[in-house]
Amino acid sequence: MRQFRNSVLSIVSAAAVAALLAGCSTGDAPEPTSPTATTAAAVDACAAKAGSASDSVNVAGDFGVTPTVTFDPGITADVTQRTELISGTGPQMAAGQTAIVAFAIYDGTTGSLVQTAGFDGARPAVISVDTSQYIVGLVKTIGCATTGSRVVSVVPASEGFGDSGQADLGIAAGDSLVMVMDVLPVQATGVDQPAVEGLPVVTLASDGAPTIAVPSTDAPAELQAAVLKKGDGDPVAEGSTVLVQYQGVKWSTGEVFDQTWGDGPTTLSMTNVVPGFSQGLVGQTTGSQVLIVVPPALGYGEAGSGTNELAGETLVFLIDILAVG
């Protein structure tokens, strides 16, 4: 059951980045313009392998820090090549999942920097491993990459912007691309905070997936919110769009009624969730993990007040705040 999920939106650092990731300024997937361009339907997101082109790109710098990138202008390949520079140990980005990335993208033909996002604490980009939304070369760059990894790719024009180019970004027709991407964590990374007595107890698996143990006491009558990990990123504002991992359980039974764990992060609008969810999350910072206990009046109403099966239930949410738009 998916009580809170909204359509996935891109949270990026600038409009130009959105245009780059989507392939055109309207956000639609680009139409292949080269006779050899790969159609989205035929793409294996995990197909990119290392090759002489991607291996020749020199990338220096630590994970999460703006890299120094050097390569010979005019670099290209027949299909997208990807070399892993830093091996991550987190979940793999499978087709359809959402990735949070820092990136530096260059015009491979001219050698000029096109755009960066997410390095040195700047706001990252949030993209789906989905060629119906993004250029093929981008999807091949992150497809099957593991969280915590850094990869470099060389993308030919046929899997980039083809014979049209992208004038707004200074990419001419037929230009290749060089992409350096750090696949960032998909769980809260803030500093652990003391537990709050009387609230549910949370334990985390190695990949961050939670288990929530509800105490055998009466549910609180008022909204409760406790920060379990304190992040230092952007705060959640009223009406904002937030990328999260979350789990929801019933206080009455401890049963999980909804979660993103196993599917990957999702984007929620604070105007499209139950009042207690947004009230508990607004003001919290990116990187934080927040436990919220929502009484029926701020959830789906008292028992018998509606048709939703969660009416009358006190709801417990554990939320990892990954990005704010």
Protein backbone atom coordinates (compact mmCIF):
# COMPACT_ATOMS: atom_id res chain seq x y z
CA MET A 1 0.00 0.00 0.00
CA ARG A 2 1.36 3.42 -0.95
CA GLN A 3 -0.28 6.03 1.24
CA PHE A 4 2.10 8.95 0.76
CA ARG A 5 3.95 8.58 -2.50
CA ASN A 6 3.88 11.34 -5.06
CA SER A 7 5.34 11.35 -8.56
CA VAL A 8 9.13 11.46 -8.51
CA LEU A 9 10.49 14.93 -9.27
CA SER A 10 14.05 16.01 -9.95
CA ILE A 11 15.66 18.12 -7.22
CA VAL A 12 18.64 19.77 -8.83
CA SER A 13 20.91 22.73 -8.25
CA ALA A 14 19.89 24.82 -11.25
CA ALA A 15 17.53 24.87 -14.21
CA ALA A 16 20.46 24.20 -16.53
CA VAL A 17 21.21 20.98 -14.68
CA ALA A 18 17.61 19.86 -15.08
CA ALA A 19 17.84 20.53 -18.80
CA LEU A 20 21.01 18.51 -19.03
CA LEU A 21 19.71 15.51 -17.12
CA ALA A 22 16.40 15.41 -18.93
CA GLY A 23 17.89 15.92 -22.35
CA CYS A 24 15.92 19.04 -23.26
CA SER A 25 14.65 22.20 -21.62
CA THR A 26 11.10 20.91 -21.29
CA GLY A 27 12.16 17.94 -19.17
CA ASP A 28 11.05 15.39 -21.76
CA ALA A 29 13.32 12.56 -22.89
CA PRO A 30 15.25 13.55 -26.02
CA GLU A 31 14.36 12.08 -29.38
CA PRO A 32 17.34 10.32 -30.97
CA THR A 33 18.52 12.40 -33.93
CA SER A 34 21.50 10.32 -35.07
CA PRO A 35 20.91 7.29 -37.31
CA THR A 36 22.85 5.20 -34.78
CA ALA A 37 21.18 6.67 -31.70
CA THR A 38 20.05 4.09 -29.14
CA THR A 39 16.33 4.00 -28.44
CA ALA A 40 15.29 4.04 -24.79
CA ALA A 41 13.33 0.81 -25.10
CA ALA A 42 16.45 -1.12 -26.11
CA VAL A 43 18.72 0.18 -23.34
CA ASP A 44 20.23 -2.00 -20.63
CA ALA A 45 21.01 0.49 -17.85
CA CYS A 46 23.72 -1.81 -16.51
CA ALA A 47 25.42 -2.42 -19.87
CA ALA A 48 28.23 0.16 -19.70
CA LYS A 49 31.72 -1.33 -19.32
CA ALA A 50 35.16 0.15 -18.88
CA GLY A 51 37.04 0.85 -22.09
CA SER A 52 40.09 2.64 -23.39
CA ALA A 53 38.23 5.95 -23.53
CA SER A 54 36.83 5.95 -19.98
CA ASP A 55 40.10 4.51 -18.61
CA SER A 56 42.01 7.41 -20.16
CA VAL A 57 40.13 10.08 -18.16
CA ASN A 58 42.23 11.17 -15.18
CA VAL A 59 40.14 12.02 -12.09
CA ALA A 60 41.74 13.19 -8.83
CA GLY A 61 40.08 13.98 -5.51
CA ASP A 62 38.20 12.34 -2.66
CA PHE A 63 34.62 11.07 -2.83
CA GLY A 64 32.16 13.94 -2.41
CA VAL A 65 34.81 16.57 -3.17
CA THR A 66 34.97 18.49 -6.45
CA PRO A 67 37.25 16.39 -8.67
CA THR A 68 40.07 17.51 -10.90
CA VAL A 69 39.35 15.98 -14.30
CA THR A 70 41.69 15.86 -17.28
CA PHE A 71 41.29 14.20 -20.68
CA ASP A 72 42.17 14.81 -24.31
CA PRO A 73 39.50 16.93 -26.06
CA GLY A 74 37.79 15.00 -28.83
CA ILE A 75 37.40 11.91 -26.67
CA THR A 76 34.52 9.63 -27.61
CA ALA A 77 33.46 5.99 -27.89
CA ASP A 78 31.08 3.88 -29.96
CA VAL A 79 28.83 3.30 -26.91
CA THR A 80 28.94 4.67 -23.38
CA GLN A 81 31.99 3.43 -21.47
CA ARG A 82 32.12 3.56 -17.66
CA THR A 83 35.07 3.02 -15.33
CA GLU A 84 34.63 2.65 -11.58
CA LEU A 85 37.18 4.79 -9.72
CA ILE A 86 35.96 4.28 -6.15
CA SER A 87 34.07 1.13 -5.18
CA GLY A 88 30.98 1.68 -3.04
CA THR A 89 29.57 -0.82 -0.60
CA GLY A 90 25.94 0.35 -0.54
CA PRO A 91 22.85 -0.69 -2.54
CA GLN A 92 23.07 -1.02 -6.31
CA MET A 93 21.14 1.41 -8.50
CA ALA A 94 18.83 -0.90 -10.44
CA ALA A 95 16.56 0.18 -13.30
CA GLY A 96 13.72 2.38 -12.08
CA GLN A 97 15.38 3.31 -8.79
CA THR A 98 16.23 6.83 -7.71
CA ALA A 99 19.84 7.87 -7.24
CA ILE A 100 21.29 10.87 -5.44
CA VAL A 101 24.46 12.02 -7.14
CA ALA A 102 27.15 14.66 -7.20
CA PHE A 103 28.45 15.16 -10.72
CA ALA A 104 30.78 17.05 -13.00
CA ILE A 105 29.92 16.91 -16.69
CA TYR A 106 32.17 18.03 -19.51
CA ASP A 107 31.84 18.48 -23.23
CA GLY A 108 34.09 15.67 -24.41
CA THR A 109 34.66 17.28 -27.79
CA THR A 110 35.86 20.67 -26.53
CA GLY A 111 37.02 19.71 -23.02
CA SER A 112 34.95 22.50 -21.42
CA LEU A 113 33.08 22.07 -18.13
CA VAL A 114 29.32 22.02 -18.65
CA GLN A 115 27.95 21.84 -15.09
CA THR A 116 28.58 20.50 -11.60
CA ALA A 117 26.26 19.73 -8.68
CA GLY A 118 26.45 18.17 -5.25
CA PHE A 119 30.16 18.36 -4.47
CA ASP A 120 31.57 19.95 -1.31
CA GLY A 121 28.16 19.98 0.39
CA ALA A 122 26.28 21.66 -2.45
CA ARG A 123 22.79 20.44 -3.30
CA PRO A 124 22.99 17.13 -5.22
CA ALA A 125 20.98 15.96 -8.20
CA VAL A 126 18.22 13.40 -7.82
CA ILE A 127 17.69 11.26 -10.89
CA SER A 128 15.96 8.02 -11.83
CA VAL A 129 17.64 5.11 -13.60
CA ASP A 130 15.13 5.58 -16.39
CA THR A 131 15.83 6.28 -20.07
CA SER A 132 12.27 7.52 -20.60
CA GLN A 133 13.27 10.55 -18.52
CA TYR A 134 17.00 11.02 -19.05
CA ILE A 135 19.59 10.72 -21.80
CA VAL A 136 20.81 7.18 -22.36
CA GLY A 137 24.43 7.92 -21.47
CA LEU A 138 23.46 9.34 -18.09
CA VAL A 139 21.40 6.27 -17.21
CA LYS A 140 24.24 3.98 -18.31
CA THR A 141 26.61 5.99 -16.10
CA ILE A 142 24.66 5.31 -12.90
CA GLY A 143 22.92 2.04 -13.80
CA CYS A 144 24.01 -0.71 -11.38
CA ALA A 145 26.52 1.60 -9.68
CA THR A 146 26.64 1.07 -5.92
CA THR A 147 26.06 3.76 -3.33
CA GLY A 148 29.40 5.21 -2.28
CA SER A 149 31.02 4.67 -5.67
CA ARG A 150 32.62 7.19 -8.02
CA VAL A 151 32.41 6.47 -11.74
CA VAL A 152 33.62 8.22 -14.87
CA SER A 153 31.98 7.72 -18.24
CA VAL A 154 32.52 8.74 -21.84
CA VAL A 155 29.21 9.20 -23.66
CA PRO A 156 29.06 9.38 -27.46
CA ALA A 157 26.68 11.84 -29.07
CA SER A 158 24.39 8.98 -30.10
CA GLU A 159 23.69 8.30 -26.39
CA GLY A 160 23.83 11.97 -25.41
CA PHE A 161 22.34 14.89 -27.31
CA GLY A 162 22.76 13.41 -30.80
CA ASP A 163 22.75 15.62 -33.88
CA SER A 164 20.80 18.38 -32.11
CA GLY A 165 23.20 19.17 -29.29
CA GLN A 166 22.07 21.27 -26.37
CA ALA A 167 22.62 24.93 -27.22
CA ASP A 168 21.57 26.19 -23.79
CA LEU A 169 24.52 24.33 -22.28
CA GLY A 170 26.99 25.05 -25.05
CA ILE A 171 26.96 21.47 -26.35
CA ALA A 172 27.16 21.41 -30.15
CA ALA A 173 25.61 18.80 -32.43
CA GLY A 174 27.64 15.61 -32.37
CA ASP A 175 29.58 16.45 -29.19
CA SER A 176 30.45 13.67 -26.76
CA LEU A 177 30.21 14.01 -22.97
CA VAL A 178 32.47 13.06 -20.06
CA MET A 179 30.68 12.47 -16.74
CA VAL A 180 32.14 12.01 -13.27
CA MET A 181 29.52 10.91 -10.75
CA ASP A 182 29.59 10.16 -7.05
CA VAL A 183 26.60 8.04 -6.01
CA LEU A 184 25.64 9.47 -2.61
CA PRO A 185 24.05 7.64 0.35
CA VAL A 186 20.33 6.81 0.28
CA GLN A 187 20.00 6.91 4.06
CA ALA A 188 20.37 9.54 6.77
CA THR A 189 23.97 10.48 7.50
CA GLY A 190 23.47 12.84 10.47
CA VAL A 191 24.93 12.59 13.95
CA ASP A 192 23.23 10.13 16.33
CA GLN A 193 21.03 11.75 18.97
CA PRO A 194 19.85 10.38 22.34
CA ALA A 195 16.72 8.24 22.27
CA VAL A 196 13.52 9.71 23.68
CA GLU A 197 11.95 7.66 26.47
CA GLY A 198 8.46 6.34 25.77
CA LEU A 199 8.71 6.49 21.98
CA PRO A 200 9.21 3.50 19.67
CA VAL A 201 12.71 2.03 19.50
CA VAL A 202 14.45 1.91 16.12
CA THR A 203 17.14 -0.51 15.02
CA LEU A 204 18.86 -0.27 11.64
CA ALA A 205 20.21 -2.90 9.29
CA SER A 206 23.59 -2.37 7.63
CA ASP A 207 21.90 -0.80 4.58
CA GLY A 208 19.88 1.57 6.79
CA ALA A 209 16.58 -0.32 6.59
CA PRO A 210 14.76 0.15 9.90
CA THR A 211 12.83 -2.02 12.31
CA ILE A 212 10.46 -0.10 14.58
CA ALA A 213 9.47 -1.62 17.92
CA VAL A 214 6.36 0.03 19.37
CA PRO A 215 6.11 0.04 23.19
CA SER A 216 3.26 -1.80 24.87
CA THR A 217 1.77 1.41 26.24
CA ASP A 218 -1.06 3.66 25.19
CA ALA A 219 -0.29 5.83 22.19
CA PRO A 220 0.37 9.51 22.93
CA ALA A 221 -2.58 11.81 22.32
CA GLU A 222 -0.44 14.59 20.84
CA LEU A 223 1.96 14.71 17.90
CA GLN A 224 5.46 13.58 18.86
CA ALA A 225 8.63 14.18 16.84
CA ALA A 226 12.14 13.10 17.80
CA VAL A 227 15.38 13.55 15.86
CA LEU A 228 17.38 10.31 15.91
CA LYS A 229 20.13 11.55 13.57
CA LYS A 230 20.83 15.25 13.16
CA GLY A 231 21.87 16.40 9.69
CA ASP A 232 23.35 19.76 8.74
CA GLY A 233 21.74 20.30 5.33
CA ASP A 234 18.88 22.44 4.08
CA PRO A 235 15.75 22.55 6.28
CA VAL A 236 12.37 21.28 5.14
CA ALA A 237 10.03 24.21 4.48
CA GLU A 238 6.25 24.28 4.38
CA GLY A 239 5.06 23.21 0.95
CA SER A 240 8.48 21.99 -0.14
CA THR A 241 9.30 18.79 -2.01
CA VAL A 242 11.46 16.32 -0.10
CA LEU A 243 13.32 13.19 -1.14
CA VAL A 244 13.02 10.61 1.64
CA GLN A 245 13.31 7.03 2.73
CA TYR A 246 10.59 6.18 5.22
CA GLN A 247 8.74 3.43 7.03
CA GLY A 248 5.26 3.69 8.53
CA VAL A 249 3.87 1.34 11.17
CA LYS A 250 0.66 1.18 13.20
CA TRP A 251 1.07 1.88 16.91
CA SER A 252 -1.71 -0.61 17.67
CA THR A 253 -0.01 -3.63 16.08
CA GLY A 254 3.51 -2.60 14.99
CA GLU A 255 2.55 -3.67 11.47
CA VAL A 256 4.35 -1.94 8.60
CA PHE A 257 1.72 -0.38 6.36
CA ASP A 258 4.02 1.46 3.96
CA GLN A 259 7.73 1.96 3.28
CA THR A 260 10.23 2.88 0.62
CA TRP A 261 12.93 0.50 1.83
CA GLY A 262 13.43 -2.15 -0.81
CA ASP A 263 12.15 0.15 -3.57
CA GLY A 264 14.44 3.16 -3.17
CA PRO A 265 13.85 6.79 -2.12
CA THR A 266 10.73 8.64 -3.15
CA THR A 267 9.78 12.29 -3.49
CA LEU A 268 6.95 13.72 -1.38
CA SER A 269 5.30 17.10 -1.39
CA MET A 270 4.56 18.49 2.07
CA THR A 271 1.19 19.58 0.69
CA ASN A 272 0.26 16.00 -0.23
CA VAL A 273 0.76 14.09 3.02
CA VAL A 274 -1.28 13.81 6.22
CA PRO A 275 -0.95 16.90 8.48
CA GLY A 276 1.06 15.17 11.19
CA PHE A 277 3.66 13.99 8.70
CA SER A 278 4.35 17.49 7.42
CA GLN A 279 4.12 19.13 10.86
CA GLY A 280 6.72 16.75 12.22
CA LEU A 281 9.04 17.16 9.26
CA VAL A 282 8.94 20.92 8.56
CA GLY A 283 12.02 22.57 10.05
CA GLN A 284 14.04 19.36 10.14
CA THR A 285 17.31 19.35 8.22
CA THR A 286 18.60 17.31 5.30
CA GLY A 287 20.63 14.34 6.47
CA SER A 288 18.43 13.89 9.55
CA GLN A 289 16.44 10.86 10.61
CA VAL A 290 13.19 11.79 12.30
CA LEU A 291 10.69 9.65 14.24
CA ILE A 292 7.13 11.03 14.16
CA VAL A 293 4.13 9.70 16.06
CA VAL A 294 0.89 10.95 14.48
CA PRO A 295 -2.42 10.74 16.39
CA PRO A 296 -5.57 9.96 14.35
CA ALA A 297 -6.71 13.60 14.28
CA LEU A 298 -3.54 14.53 12.35
CA GLY A 299 -3.56 11.35 10.29
CA TYR A 300 -6.63 9.80 8.68
CA GLY A 301 -9.14 10.87 11.29
CA GLU A 302 -10.87 9.05 14.11
CA ALA A 303 -12.30 5.57 13.65
CA GLY A 304 -15.44 5.68 11.55
CA SER A 305 -14.69 9.15 10.18
CA GLY A 306 -13.76 7.95 6.71
CA THR A 307 -13.18 4.99 4.44
CA ASN A 308 -9.40 4.81 4.78
CA GLU A 309 -8.30 1.67 6.58
CA LEU A 310 -5.90 3.75 8.70
CA ALA A 311 -8.71 5.86 10.19
CA GLY A 312 -8.51 5.63 13.97
CA GLU A 313 -4.88 4.50 13.93
CA THR A 314 -1.96 6.26 15.55
CA LEU A 315 0.77 6.19 12.94
CA VAL A 316 4.53 5.95 13.51
CA PHE A 317 6.87 7.19 10.79
CA LEU A 318 10.63 6.92 10.58
CA ILE A 319 11.90 9.31 7.91
CA ASP A 320 15.39 9.77 6.46
CA ILE A 321 15.60 13.22 4.82
CA LEU A 322 17.86 12.92 1.76
CA ALA A 323 17.28 16.12 -0.21
CA VAL A 324 15.01 19.15 -0.18
CA GLY A 325 13.75 21.05 -3.20
